[in-house]
Amino acid sequence: MSIEVFIVNFIKDGFIRPYVGDFLVVVLIYCFVMWISGIPVLKGLVGVLAFSVAVEFFQLINIVKVLQYQPPKILMIVLGSSFSVWDLLAYFLGILFTGSAEYYLNSTRTSSGK
């Protein structure tokens, strides 16, 4: 999480902040969801990806303007401000990475008998 905070506050480029940040945020959301819920891995991965895509869709339709509501600043940070297909790709790659890590870690635990 400290990496995300560092990226948001100190990195002002056109690659790391928008894309690496999006990649990492789905990993962090997944870890948080799994930590508090204990749902199966696949449901966690699909749920986090669906949430991420929904947020991006809300950016596409400019949900703030549609609802004519000015939400609190923290909600505006979560919602973001602009739609990008590249963000969707970063979310997908983050989920793919997380799923691969889960598969690897689970297969390692299974084969070692832990």
PDB file of N, CA and C in Angstrom:
ATOM      1  N   MET A   1       0.821  -1.188   0.000  1.00  0.00           N
ATOM      2  CA  MET A   1       0.000   0.000   0.000  1.00  0.00           C
ATOM      3  C   MET A   1       0.868   1.256   0.000  1.00  0.00           C
ATOM      4  N   SER A   2       1.989   1.194   0.670  1.00  0.00           N
ATOM      5  CA  SER A   2       2.862   2.365   0.698  1.00  0.00           C
ATOM      6  C   SER A   2       3.393   2.687  -0.701  1.00  0.00           C
ATOM      7  N   ILE A   3       3.534   1.678  -1.534  1.00  0.00           N
ATOM      8  CA  ILE A   3       3.973   1.919  -2.915  1.00  0.00           C
ATOM      9  C   ILE A   3       2.925   2.740  -3.655  1.00  0.00           C
ATOM     10  N   GLU A   4       1.650   2.393  -3.481  1.00  0.00           N
ATOM     11  CA  GLU A   4       0.559   3.146  -4.120  1.00  0.00           C
ATOM     12  C   GLU A   4       0.559   4.593  -3.651  1.00  0.00           C
ATOM     13  N   VAL A   5       0.700   4.812  -2.359  1.00  0.00           N
ATOM     14  CA  VAL A   5       0.722   6.173  -1.811  1.00  0.00           C
ATOM     15  C   VAL A   5       1.910   6.944  -2.372  1.00  0.00           C
ATOM     16  N   PHE A   6       3.060   6.292  -2.461  1.00  0.00           N
ATOM     17  CA  PHE A   6       4.246   6.922  -3.031  1.00  0.00           C
ATOM     18  C   PHE A   6       4.008   7.307  -4.493  1.00  0.00           C
ATOM     19  N   ILE A   7       3.436   6.387  -5.261  1.00  0.00           N
ATOM     20  CA  ILE A   7       3.172   6.658  -6.677  1.00  0.00           C
ATOM     21  C   ILE A   7       2.234   7.851  -6.828  1.00  0.00           C
ATOM     22  N   VAL A   8       1.148   7.865  -6.069  1.00  0.00           N
ATOM     23  CA  VAL A   8       0.165   8.943  -6.180  1.00  0.00           C
ATOM     24  C   VAL A   8       0.774  10.292  -5.804  1.00  0.00           C
ATOM     25  N   ASN A   9       1.592  10.313  -4.766  1.00  0.00           N
ATOM     26  CA  ASN A   9       2.106  11.588  -4.257  1.00  0.00           C
ATOM     27  C   ASN A   9       3.371  12.093  -4.930  1.00  0.00           C
ATOM     28  N   PHE A  10       4.198  11.188  -5.463  1.00  0.00           N
ATOM     29  CA  PHE A  10       5.504  11.636  -5.927  1.00  0.00           C
ATOM     30  C   PHE A  10       5.830  11.339  -7.389  1.00  0.00           C
ATOM     31  N   ILE A  11       5.110  10.448  -8.017  1.00  0.00           N
ATOM     32  CA  ILE A  11       5.412  10.116  -9.416  1.00  0.00           C
ATOM     33  C   ILE A  11       4.447  10.888 -10.317  1.00  0.00           C
ATOM     34  N   LYS A  12       4.992  11.674 -11.188  1.00  0.00           N
ATOM     35  CA  LYS A  12       4.165  12.509 -12.075  1.00  0.00           C
ATOM     36  C   LYS A  12       4.520  12.243 -13.540  1.00  0.00           C
ATOM     37  N   ASP A  13       4.526  10.979 -13.917  1.00  0.00           N
ATOM     38  CA  ASP A  13       4.884  10.641 -15.288  1.00  0.00           C
ATOM     39  C   ASP A  13       3.663  10.114 -16.034  1.00  0.00           C
ATOM     40  N   GLY A  14       3.876   9.651 -17.242  1.00  0.00           N
ATOM     41  CA  GLY A  14       2.784   9.167 -18.072  1.00  0.00           C
ATOM     42  C   GLY A  14       2.667   7.659 -18.134  1.00  0.00           C
ATOM     43  N   PHE A  15       3.473   6.935 -17.348  1.00  0.00           N
ATOM     44  CA  PHE A  15       3.394   5.476 -17.395  1.00  0.00           C
ATOM     45  C   PHE A  15       3.208   4.856 -16.006  1.00  0.00           C
ATOM     46  N   ILE A  16       4.128   5.133 -15.107  1.00  0.00           N
ATOM     47  CA  ILE A  16       4.082   4.478 -13.792  1.00  0.00           C
ATOM     48  C   ILE A  16       2.814   4.858 -13.038  1.00  0.00           C
ATOM     49  N   ARG A  17       2.537   6.142 -12.938  1.00  0.00           N
ATOM     50  CA  ARG A  17       1.369   6.545 -12.163  1.00  0.00           C
ATOM     51  C   ARG A  17       0.069   5.992 -12.735  1.00  0.00           C
ATOM     52  N   PRO A  18      -0.192   6.156 -14.027  1.00  0.00           N
ATOM     53  CA  PRO A  18      -1.493   5.667 -14.500  1.00  0.00           C
ATOM     54  C   PRO A  18      -1.579   4.153 -14.674  1.00  0.00           C
ATOM     55  N   TYR A  19      -0.528   3.505 -15.143  1.00  0.00           N
ATOM     56  CA  TYR A  19      -0.661   2.091 -15.501  1.00  0.00           C
ATOM     57  C   TYR A  19      -0.120   1.146 -14.450  1.00  0.00           C
ATOM     58  N   VAL A  20       1.061   1.396 -13.941  1.00  0.00           N
ATOM     59  CA  VAL A  20       1.586   0.553 -12.867  1.00  0.00           C
ATOM     60  C   VAL A  20       0.713   0.722 -11.622  1.00  0.00           C
ATOM     61  N   GLY A  21       0.257   1.944 -11.392  1.00  0.00           N
ATOM     62  CA  GLY A  21      -0.645   2.188 -10.273  1.00  0.00           C
ATOM     63  C   GLY A  21      -1.937   1.395 -10.400  1.00  0.00           C
ATOM     64  N   ASP A  22      -2.523   1.364 -11.591  1.00  0.00           N
ATOM     65  CA  ASP A  22      -3.750   0.587 -11.819  1.00  0.00           C
ATOM     66  C   ASP A  22      -3.497  -0.906 -11.685  1.00  0.00           C
ATOM     67  N   PHE A  23      -2.363  -1.347 -12.179  1.00  0.00           N
ATOM     68  CA  PHE A  23      -1.970  -2.752 -12.043  1.00  0.00           C
ATOM     69  C   PHE A  23      -1.894  -3.128 -10.566  1.00  0.00           C
ATOM     70  N   LEU A  24      -1.201  -2.304  -9.793  1.00  0.00           N
ATOM     71  CA  LEU A  24      -1.008  -2.595  -8.374  1.00  0.00           C
ATOM     72  C   LEU A  24      -2.291  -2.459  -7.562  1.00  0.00           C
ATOM     73  N   VAL A  25      -3.155  -1.537  -7.949  1.00  0.00           N
ATOM     74  CA  VAL A  25      -4.358  -1.316  -7.142  1.00  0.00           C
ATOM     75  C   VAL A  25      -5.276  -2.534  -7.168  1.00  0.00           C
ATOM     76  N   VAL A  26      -5.368  -3.238  -8.301  1.00  0.00           N
ATOM     77  CA  VAL A  26      -6.218  -4.435  -8.308  1.00  0.00           C
ATOM     78  C   VAL A  26      -5.602  -5.548  -7.458  1.00  0.00           C
ATOM     79  N   VAL A  27      -4.277  -5.610  -7.418  1.00  0.00           N
ATOM     80  CA  VAL A  27      -3.611  -6.590  -6.556  1.00  0.00           C
ATOM     81  C   VAL A  27      -3.922  -6.270  -5.092  1.00  0.00           C
ATOM     82  N   LEU A  28      -3.833  -5.006  -4.727  1.00  0.00           N
ATOM     83  CA  LEU A  28      -4.107  -4.599  -3.352  1.00  0.00           C
ATOM     84  C   LEU A  28      -5.568  -4.820  -2.971  1.00  0.00           C
ATOM     85  N   ILE A  29      -6.482  -4.479  -3.866  1.00  0.00           N
ATOM     86  CA  ILE A  29      -7.904  -4.691  -3.589  1.00  0.00           C
ATOM     87  C   ILE A  29      -8.173  -6.177  -3.418  1.00  0.00           C
ATOM     88  N   TYR A  30      -7.592  -6.995  -4.279  1.00  0.00           N
ATOM     89  CA  TYR A  30      -7.765  -8.447  -4.173  1.00  0.00           C
ATOM     90  C   TYR A  30      -7.257  -8.951  -2.815  1.00  0.00           C
ATOM     91  N   CYS A  31      -6.068  -8.526  -2.431  1.00  0.00           N
ATOM     92  CA  CYS A  31      -5.511  -8.960  -1.142  1.00  0.00           C
ATOM     93  C   CYS A  31      -6.420  -8.548   0.011  1.00  0.00           C
ATOM     94  N   PHE A  32      -6.938  -7.334  -0.041  1.00  0.00           N
ATOM     95  CA  PHE A  32      -7.829  -6.864   1.012  1.00  0.00           C
ATOM     96  C   PHE A  32      -9.119  -7.689   1.041  1.00  0.00           C
ATOM     97  N   VAL A  33      -9.709  -7.915  -0.122  1.00  0.00           N
ATOM     98  CA  VAL A  33     -10.952  -8.702  -0.197  1.00  0.00           C
ATOM     99  C   VAL A  33     -10.726 -10.107   0.342  1.00  0.00           C
ATOM    100  N   MET A  34      -9.633 -10.731  -0.027  1.00  0.00           N
ATOM    101  CA  MET A  34      -9.361 -12.091   0.439  1.00  0.00           C
ATOM    102  C   MET A  34      -9.062 -12.123   1.935  1.00  0.00           C
ATOM    103  N   TRP A  35      -8.440 -11.078   2.427  1.00  0.00           N
ATOM    104  CA  TRP A  35      -8.113 -10.994   3.845  1.00  0.00           C
ATOM    105  C   TRP A  35      -9.374 -10.901   4.700  1.00  0.00           C
ATOM    106  N   ILE A  36     -10.369 -10.132   4.227  1.00  0.00           N
ATOM    107  CA  ILE A  36     -11.564  -9.939   5.054  1.00  0.00           C
ATOM    108  C   ILE A  36     -12.673 -10.941   4.769  1.00  0.00           C
ATOM    109  N   SER A  37     -12.628 -11.648   3.640  1.00  0.00           N
ATOM    110  CA  SER A  37     -13.790 -12.457   3.271  1.00  0.00           C
ATOM    111  C   SER A  37     -13.575 -13.965   3.309  1.00  0.00           C
ATOM    112  N   GLY A  38     -12.447 -14.431   2.833  1.00  0.00           N
ATOM    113  CA  GLY A  38     -12.227 -15.876   2.758  1.00  0.00           C
ATOM    114  C   GLY A  38     -13.005 -16.545   1.634  1.00  0.00           C
ATOM    115  N   ILE A  39     -13.400 -15.775   0.617  1.00  0.00           N
ATOM    116  CA  ILE A  39     -14.105 -16.363  -0.527  1.00  0.00           C
ATOM    117  C   ILE A  39     -13.112 -17.130  -1.395  1.00  0.00           C
ATOM    118  N   PRO A  40     -13.623 -18.009  -2.262  1.00  0.00           N
ATOM    119  CA  PRO A  40     -12.706 -18.732  -3.151  1.00  0.00           C
ATOM    120  C   PRO A  40     -11.913 -17.777  -4.053  1.00  0.00           C
ATOM    121  N   VAL A  41     -10.740 -18.211  -4.433  1.00  0.00           N
ATOM    122  CA  VAL A  41      -9.821 -17.397  -5.233  1.00  0.00           C
ATOM    123  C   VAL A  41     -10.476 -16.890  -6.517  1.00  0.00           C
ATOM    124  N   LEU A  42     -11.102 -17.781  -7.269  1.00  0.00           N
ATOM    125  CA  LEU A  42     -11.695 -17.376  -8.545  1.00  0.00           C
ATOM    126  C   LEU A  42     -12.766 -16.314  -8.355  1.00  0.00           C
ATOM    127  N   LYS A  43     -13.603 -16.470  -7.333  1.00  0.00           N
ATOM    128  CA  LYS A  43     -14.629 -15.457  -7.059  1.00  0.00           C
ATOM    129  C   LYS A  43     -13.988 -14.126  -6.684  1.00  0.00           C
ATOM    130  N   GLY A  44     -12.918 -14.174  -5.936  1.00  0.00           N
ATOM    131  CA  GLY A  44     -12.209 -12.951  -5.567  1.00  0.00           C
ATOM    132  C   GLY A  44     -11.621 -12.250  -6.780  1.00  0.00           C
ATOM    133  N   LEU A  45     -10.991 -13.021  -7.647  1.00  0.00           N
ATOM    134  CA  LEU A  45     -10.393 -12.445  -8.861  1.00  0.00           C
ATOM    135  C   LEU A  45     -11.453 -11.824  -9.760  1.00  0.00           C
ATOM    136  N   VAL A  46     -12.523 -12.574 -10.000  1.00  0.00           N
ATOM    137  CA  VAL A  46     -13.594 -12.075 -10.880  1.00  0.00           C
ATOM    138  C   VAL A  46     -14.279 -10.869 -10.253  1.00  0.00           C
ATOM    139  N   GLY A  47     -14.517 -10.920  -8.947  1.00  0.00           N
ATOM    140  CA  GLY A  47     -15.172  -9.805  -8.269  1.00  0.00           C
ATOM    141  C   GLY A  47     -14.361  -8.527  -8.323  1.00  0.00           C
ATOM    142  N   VAL A  48     -13.062  -8.630  -8.086  1.00  0.00           N
ATOM    143  CA  VAL A  48     -12.202  -7.447  -8.130  1.00  0.00           C
ATOM    144  C   VAL A  48     -12.114  -6.910  -9.556  1.00  0.00           C
ATOM    145  N   LEU A  49     -12.014  -7.799 -10.535  1.00  0.00           N
ATOM    146  CA  LEU A  49     -11.984  -7.342 -11.922  1.00  0.00           C
ATOM    147  C   LEU A  49     -13.300  -6.665 -12.292  1.00  0.00           C
ATOM    148  N   ALA A  50     -14.423  -7.240 -11.878  1.00  0.00           N
ATOM    149  CA  ALA A  50     -15.737  -6.640 -12.159  1.00  0.00           C
ATOM    150  C   ALA A  50     -15.853  -5.260 -11.504  1.00  0.00           C
ATOM    151  N   PHE A  51     -15.399  -5.152 -10.270  1.00  0.00           N
ATOM    152  CA  PHE A  51     -15.419  -3.853  -9.583  1.00  0.00           C
ATOM    153  C   PHE A  51     -14.577  -2.832 -10.349  1.00  0.00           C
ATOM    154  N   SER A  52     -13.387  -3.232 -10.770  1.00  0.00           N
ATOM    155  CA  SER A  52     -12.485  -2.326 -11.486  1.00  0.00           C
ATOM    156  C   SER A  52     -13.077  -1.879 -12.815  1.00  0.00           C
ATOM    157  N   VAL A  53     -13.676  -2.814 -13.528  1.00  0.00           N
ATOM    158  CA  VAL A  53     -14.314  -2.480 -14.808  1.00  0.00           C
ATOM    159  C   VAL A  53     -15.504  -1.551 -14.567  1.00  0.00           C
ATOM    160  N   ALA A  54     -16.255  -1.794 -13.497  1.00  0.00           N
ATOM    161  CA  ALA A  54     -17.400  -0.933 -13.175  1.00  0.00           C
ATOM    162  C   ALA A  54     -16.937   0.500 -12.894  1.00  0.00           C
ATOM    163  N   VAL A  55     -15.852   0.647 -12.151  1.00  0.00           N
ATOM    164  CA  VAL A  55     -15.334   1.982 -11.871  1.00  0.00           C
ATOM    165  C   VAL A  55     -14.941   2.667 -13.176  1.00  0.00           C
ATOM    166  N   GLU A  56     -14.301   1.927 -14.062  1.00  0.00           N
ATOM    167  CA  GLU A  56     -13.899   2.507 -15.352  1.00  0.00           C
ATOM    168  C   GLU A  56     -15.124   2.867 -16.187  1.00  0.00           C
ATOM    169  N   PHE A  57     -16.161   2.035 -16.138  1.00  0.00           N
ATOM    170  CA  PHE A  57     -17.408   2.339 -16.846  1.00  0.00           C
ATOM    171  C   PHE A  57     -18.036   3.617 -16.299  1.00  0.00           C
ATOM    172  N   PHE A  58     -18.008   3.782 -14.965  1.00  0.00           N
ATOM    173  CA  PHE A  58     -18.545   5.010 -14.367  1.00  0.00           C
ATOM    174  C   PHE A  58     -17.778   6.235 -14.853  1.00  0.00           C
ATOM    175  N   GLN A  59     -16.492   6.072 -15.102  1.00  0.00           N
ATOM    176  CA  GLN A  59     -15.711   7.165 -15.669  1.00  0.00           C
ATOM    177  C   GLN A  59     -16.152   7.445 -17.097  1.00  0.00           C
ATOM    178  N   LEU A  60     -16.432   6.386 -17.854  1.00  0.00           N
ATOM    179  CA  LEU A  60     -16.854   6.543 -19.246  1.00  0.00           C
ATOM    180  C   LEU A  60     -18.150   7.345 -19.349  1.00  0.00           C
ATOM    181  N   ILE A  61     -19.105   7.023 -18.489  1.00  0.00           N
ATOM    182  CA  ILE A  61     -20.397   7.726 -18.563  1.00  0.00           C
ATOM    183  C   ILE A  61     -20.414   8.990 -17.716  1.00  0.00           C
ATOM    184  N   ASN A  62     -19.284   9.306 -17.077  1.00  0.00           N
ATOM    185  CA  ASN A  62     -19.148  10.477 -16.210  1.00  0.00           C
ATOM    186  C   ASN A  62     -20.266  10.495 -15.175  1.00  0.00           C
ATOM    187  N   ILE A  63     -20.259   9.473 -14.329  1.00  0.00           N
ATOM    188  CA  ILE A  63     -21.322   9.240 -13.363  1.00  0.00           C
ATOM    189  C   ILE A  63     -21.578  10.446 -12.457  1.00  0.00           C
ATOM    190  N   VAL A  64     -20.552  11.212 -12.157  1.00  0.00           N
ATOM    191  CA  VAL A  64     -20.720  12.380 -11.292  1.00  0.00           C
ATOM    192  C   VAL A  64     -21.636  13.393 -11.957  1.00  0.00           C
ATOM    193  N   LYS A  65     -21.432  13.603 -13.257  1.00  0.00           N
ATOM    194  CA  LYS A  65     -22.271  14.553 -13.987  1.00  0.00           C
ATOM    195  C   LYS A  65     -23.681  13.987 -14.194  1.00  0.00           C
ATOM    196  N   VAL A  66     -23.767  12.690 -14.479  1.00  0.00           N
ATOM    197  CA  VAL A  66     -25.067  12.056 -14.687  1.00  0.00           C
ATOM    198  C   VAL A  66     -25.927  12.177 -13.428  1.00  0.00           C
ATOM    199  N   LEU A  67     -25.332  11.914 -12.270  1.00  0.00           N
ATOM    200  CA  LEU A  67     -26.078  11.972 -11.014  1.00  0.00           C
ATOM    201  C   LEU A  67     -26.223  13.402 -10.480  1.00  0.00           C
ATOM    202  N   GLN A  68     -25.513  14.339 -11.084  1.00  0.00           N
ATOM    203  CA  GLN A  68     -25.511  15.734 -10.648  1.00  0.00           C
ATOM    204  C   GLN A  68     -25.255  15.825  -9.146  1.00  0.00           C
ATOM    205  N   TYR A  69     -24.197  15.167  -8.743  1.00  0.00           N
ATOM    206  CA  TYR A  69     -23.845  15.076  -7.335  1.00  0.00           C
ATOM    207  C   TYR A  69     -22.343  15.231  -7.196  1.00  0.00           C
ATOM    208  N   GLN A  70     -21.917  16.013  -6.255  1.00  0.00           N
ATOM    209  CA  GLN A  70     -20.495  16.168  -6.001  1.00  0.00           C
ATOM    210  C   GLN A  70     -20.112  15.328  -4.781  1.00  0.00           C
ATOM    211  N   PRO A  71     -19.586  14.129  -5.025  1.00  0.00           N
ATOM    212  CA  PRO A  71     -19.239  13.250  -3.899  1.00  0.00           C
ATOM    213  C   PRO A  71     -18.019  13.756  -3.135  1.00  0.00           C
ATOM    214  N   PRO A  72     -17.794  13.191  -1.960  1.00  0.00           N
ATOM    215  CA  PRO A  72     -16.586  13.565  -1.199  1.00  0.00           C
ATOM    216  C   PRO A  72     -15.313  13.286  -2.003  1.00  0.00           C
ATOM    217  N   LYS A  73     -14.253  14.005  -1.652  1.00  0.00           N
ATOM    218  CA  LYS A  73     -12.991  13.907  -2.392  1.00  0.00           C
ATOM    219  C   LYS A  73     -12.466  12.478  -2.454  1.00  0.00           C
ATOM    220  N   ILE A  74     -12.575  11.720  -1.360  1.00  0.00           N
ATOM    221  CA  ILE A  74     -12.062  10.340  -1.350  1.00  0.00           C
ATOM    222  C   ILE A  74     -12.786   9.488  -2.384  1.00  0.00           C
ATOM    223  N   LEU A  75     -14.086   9.698  -2.549  1.00  0.00           N
ATOM    224  CA  LEU A  75     -14.840   8.954  -3.558  1.00  0.00           C
ATOM    225  C   LEU A  75     -14.420   9.371  -4.962  1.00  0.00           C
ATOM    226  N   MET A  76     -14.103  10.636  -5.144  1.00  0.00           N
ATOM    227  CA  MET A  76     -13.633  11.110  -6.446  1.00  0.00           C
ATOM    228  C   MET A  76     -12.278  10.493  -6.796  1.00  0.00           C
ATOM    229  N   ILE A  77     -11.448  10.261  -5.786  1.00  0.00           N
ATOM    230  CA  ILE A  77     -10.154   9.611  -6.021  1.00  0.00           C
ATOM    231  C   ILE A  77     -10.385   8.177  -6.482  1.00  0.00           C
ATOM    232  N   VAL A  78     -11.328   7.476  -5.837  1.00  0.00           N
ATOM    233  CA  VAL A  78     -11.638   6.098  -6.216  1.00  0.00           C
ATOM    234  C   VAL A  78     -12.237   6.050  -7.612  1.00  0.00           C
ATOM    235  N   LEU A  79     -13.173   6.948  -7.887  1.00  0.00           N
ATOM    236  CA  LEU A  79     -13.836   6.943  -9.200  1.00  0.00           C
ATOM    237  C   LEU A  79     -12.909   7.376 -10.325  1.00  0.00           C
ATOM    238  N   GLY A  80     -11.947   8.208 -10.020  1.00  0.00           N
ATOM    239  CA  GLY A  80     -11.066   8.697 -11.068  1.00  0.00           C
ATOM    240  C   GLY A  80     -11.770   9.748 -11.903  1.00  0.00           C
ATOM    241  N   SER A  81     -11.111  10.146 -12.973  1.00  0.00           N
ATOM    242  CA  SER A  81     -11.681  11.249 -13.746  1.00  0.00           C
ATOM    243  C   SER A  81     -11.821  10.978 -15.234  1.00  0.00           C
ATOM    244  N   SER A  82     -11.142   9.978 -15.755  1.00  0.00           N
ATOM    245  CA  SER A  82     -11.234   9.776 -17.199  1.00  0.00           C
ATOM    246  C   SER A  82     -11.150   8.293 -17.553  1.00  0.00           C
ATOM    247  N   PHE A  83     -11.929   7.924 -18.544  1.00  0.00           N
ATOM    248  CA  PHE A  83     -11.958   6.548 -19.034  1.00  0.00           C
ATOM    249  C   PHE A  83     -10.747   6.284 -19.917  1.00  0.00           C
ATOM    250  N   SER A  84     -10.208   5.060 -19.799  1.00  0.00           N
ATOM    251  CA  SER A  84      -9.119   4.654 -20.674  1.00  0.00           C
ATOM    252  C   SER A  84      -9.152   3.139 -20.869  1.00  0.00           C
ATOM    253  N   VAL A  85      -9.074   2.723 -22.109  1.00  0.00           N
ATOM    254  CA  VAL A  85      -8.987   1.297 -22.401  1.00  0.00           C
ATOM    255  C   VAL A  85      -7.688   0.734 -21.815  1.00  0.00           C
ATOM    256  N   TRP A  86      -6.654   1.557 -21.757  1.00  0.00           N
ATOM    257  CA  TRP A  86      -5.371   1.123 -21.200  1.00  0.00           C
ATOM    258  C   TRP A  86      -5.500   0.802 -19.710  1.00  0.00           C
ATOM    259  N   ASP A  87      -6.372   1.528 -19.020  1.00  0.00           N
ATOM    260  CA  ASP A  87      -6.623   1.204 -17.611  1.00  0.00           C
ATOM    261  C   ASP A  87      -7.238  -0.185 -17.493  1.00  0.00           C
ATOM    262  N   LEU A  88      -8.171  -0.491 -18.383  1.00  0.00           N
ATOM    263  CA  LEU A  88      -8.793  -1.823 -18.374  1.00  0.00           C
ATOM    264  C   LEU A  88      -7.737  -2.903 -18.588  1.00  0.00           C
ATOM    265  N   LEU A  89      -6.803  -2.641 -19.505  1.00  0.00           N
ATOM    266  CA  LEU A  89      -5.720  -3.595 -19.745  1.00  0.00           C
ATOM    267  C   LEU A  89      -4.850  -3.749 -18.490  1.00  0.00           C
ATOM    268  N   ALA A  90      -4.550  -2.650 -17.826  1.00  0.00           N
ATOM    269  CA  ALA A  90      -3.749  -2.711 -16.597  1.00  0.00           C
ATOM    270  C   ALA A  90      -4.483  -3.511 -15.521  1.00  0.00           C
ATOM    271  N   TYR A  91      -5.793  -3.324 -15.392  1.00  0.00           N
ATOM    272  CA  TYR A  91      -6.580  -4.099 -14.422  1.00  0.00           C
ATOM    273  C   TYR A  91      -6.530  -5.583 -14.763  1.00  0.00           C
ATOM    274  N   PHE A  92      -6.733  -5.891 -16.036  1.00  0.00           N
ATOM    275  CA  PHE A  92      -6.726  -7.291 -16.466  1.00  0.00           C
ATOM    276  C   PHE A  92      -5.367  -7.940 -16.205  1.00  0.00           C
ATOM    277  N   LEU A  93      -4.295  -7.227 -16.540  1.00  0.00           N
ATOM    278  CA  LEU A  93      -2.951  -7.768 -16.308  1.00  0.00           C
ATOM    279  C   LEU A  93      -2.674  -7.933 -14.812  1.00  0.00           C
ATOM    280  N   GLY A  94      -3.160  -7.013 -13.999  1.00  0.00           N
ATOM    281  CA  GLY A  94      -3.003  -7.135 -12.558  1.00  0.00           C
ATOM    282  C   GLY A  94      -3.723  -8.361 -12.014  1.00  0.00           C
ATOM    283  N   ILE A  95      -4.935  -8.606 -12.505  1.00  0.00           N
ATOM    284  CA  ILE A  95      -5.696  -9.784 -12.083  1.00  0.00           C
ATOM    285  C   ILE A  95      -5.030 -11.054 -12.606  1.00  0.00           C
ATOM    286  N   LEU A  96      -4.543 -11.029 -13.830  1.00  0.00           N
ATOM    287  CA  LEU A  96      -3.840 -12.185 -14.395  1.00  0.00           C
ATOM    288  C   LEU A  96      -2.589 -12.503 -13.572  1.00  0.00           C
ATOM    289  N   PHE A  97      -1.836 -11.491 -13.216  1.00  0.00           N
ATOM    290  CA  PHE A  97      -0.658 -11.670 -12.374  1.00  0.00           C
ATOM    291  C   PHE A  97      -1.052 -12.254 -11.017  1.00  0.00           C
ATOM    292  N   THR A  98      -2.091 -11.692 -10.408  1.00  0.00           N
ATOM    293  CA  THR A  98      -2.531 -12.143  -9.087  1.00  0.00           C
ATOM    294  C   THR A  98      -3.026 -13.583  -9.139  1.00  0.00           C
ATOM    295  N   GLY A  99      -3.803 -13.909 -10.169  1.00  0.00           N
ATOM    296  CA  GLY A  99      -4.266 -15.281 -10.325  1.00  0.00           C
ATOM    297  C   GLY A  99      -3.118 -16.248 -10.531  1.00  0.00           C
ATOM    298  N   SER A 100      -2.134 -15.836 -11.308  1.00  0.00           N
ATOM    299  CA  SER A 100      -0.952 -16.686 -11.527  1.00  0.00           C
ATOM    300  C   SER A 100      -0.175 -16.892 -10.231  1.00  0.00           C
ATOM    301  N   ALA A 101      -0.031 -15.819  -9.452  1.00  0.00           N
ATOM    302  CA  ALA A 101       0.668 -15.930  -8.169  1.00  0.00           C
ATOM    303  C   ALA A 101      -0.094 -16.859  -7.224  1.00  0.00           C
ATOM    304  N   GLU A 102      -1.412 -16.731  -7.186  1.00  0.00           N
ATOM    305  CA  GLU A 102      -2.232 -17.615  -6.345  1.00  0.00           C
ATOM    306  C   GLU A 102      -2.068 -19.070  -6.777  1.00  0.00           C
ATOM    307  N   TYR A 103      -2.112 -19.306  -8.077  1.00  0.00           N
ATOM    308  CA  TYR A 103      -1.971 -20.666  -8.597  1.00  0.00           C
ATOM    309  C   TYR A 103      -0.610 -21.240  -8.212  1.00  0.00           C
ATOM    310  N   TYR A 104       0.430 -20.450  -8.424  1.00  0.00           N
ATOM    311  CA  TYR A 104       1.783 -20.900  -8.100  1.00  0.00           C
ATOM    312  C   TYR A 104       1.924 -21.187  -6.604  1.00  0.00           C
ATOM    313  N   LEU A 105       1.458 -20.250  -5.783  1.00  0.00           N
ATOM    314  CA  LEU A 105       1.591 -20.431  -4.332  1.00  0.00           C
ATOM    315  C   LEU A 105       0.768 -21.623  -3.837  1.00  0.00           C
ATOM    316  N   ASN A 106      -0.431 -21.797  -4.377  1.00  0.00           N
ATOM    317  CA  ASN A 106      -1.262 -22.933  -3.970  1.00  0.00           C
ATOM    318  C   ASN A 106      -0.680 -24.259  -4.442  1.00  0.00           C
ATOM    319  N   SER A 107      -0.118 -24.277  -5.650  1.00  0.00           N
ATOM    320  CA  SER A 107       0.472 -25.529  -6.135  1.00  0.00           C
ATOM    321  C   SER A 107       1.755 -25.858  -5.365  1.00  0.00           C
ATOM    322  N   THR A 108       2.491 -24.850  -4.941  1.00  0.00           N
ATOM    323  CA  THR A 108       3.701 -25.059  -4.134  1.00  0.00           C
ATOM    324  C   THR A 108       3.326 -25.609  -2.767  1.00  0.00           C
ATOM    325  N   ARG A 109       2.280 -25.050  -2.155  1.00  0.00           N
ATOM    326  CA  ARG A 109       1.828 -25.534  -0.841  1.00  0.00           C
ATOM    327  C   ARG A 109       1.331 -26.966  -0.940  1.00  0.00           C
ATOM    328  N   THR A 110       0.594 -27.279  -2.006  1.00  0.00           N
ATOM    329  CA  THR A 110       0.043 -28.610  -2.183  1.00  0.00           C
ATOM    330  C   THR A 110       1.147 -29.644  -2.387  1.00  0.00           C
ATOM    331  N   SER A 111       2.126 -29.302  -3.212  1.00  0.00           N
ATOM    332  CA  SER A 111       3.196 -30.262  -3.511  1.00  0.00           C
ATOM    333  C   SER A 111       4.147 -30.465  -2.328  1.00  0.00           C
ATOM    334  N   SER A 112       4.256 -29.433  -1.481  1.00  0.00           N
ATOM    335  CA  SER A 112       5.158 -29.580  -0.329  1.00  0.00           C
ATOM    336  C   SER A 112       4.426 -30.141   0.903  1.00  0.00           C
ATOM    337  N   GLY A 113       3.101 -30.318   0.785  1.00  0.00           N
ATOM    338  CA  GLY A 113       2.342 -30.909   1.866  1.00  0.00           C
ATOM    339  C   GLY A 113       2.002 -29.953   2.986  1.00  0.00           C
ATOM    340  N   LYS A 114       2.097 -28.666   2.751  1.00  0.00           N
ATOM    341  CA  LYS A 114       1.775 -27.675   3.802  1.00  0.00           C
ATOM    342  C   LYS A 114       0.339 -27.275   3.751  1.00  0.00           C
TER     343      LYS A 114
END
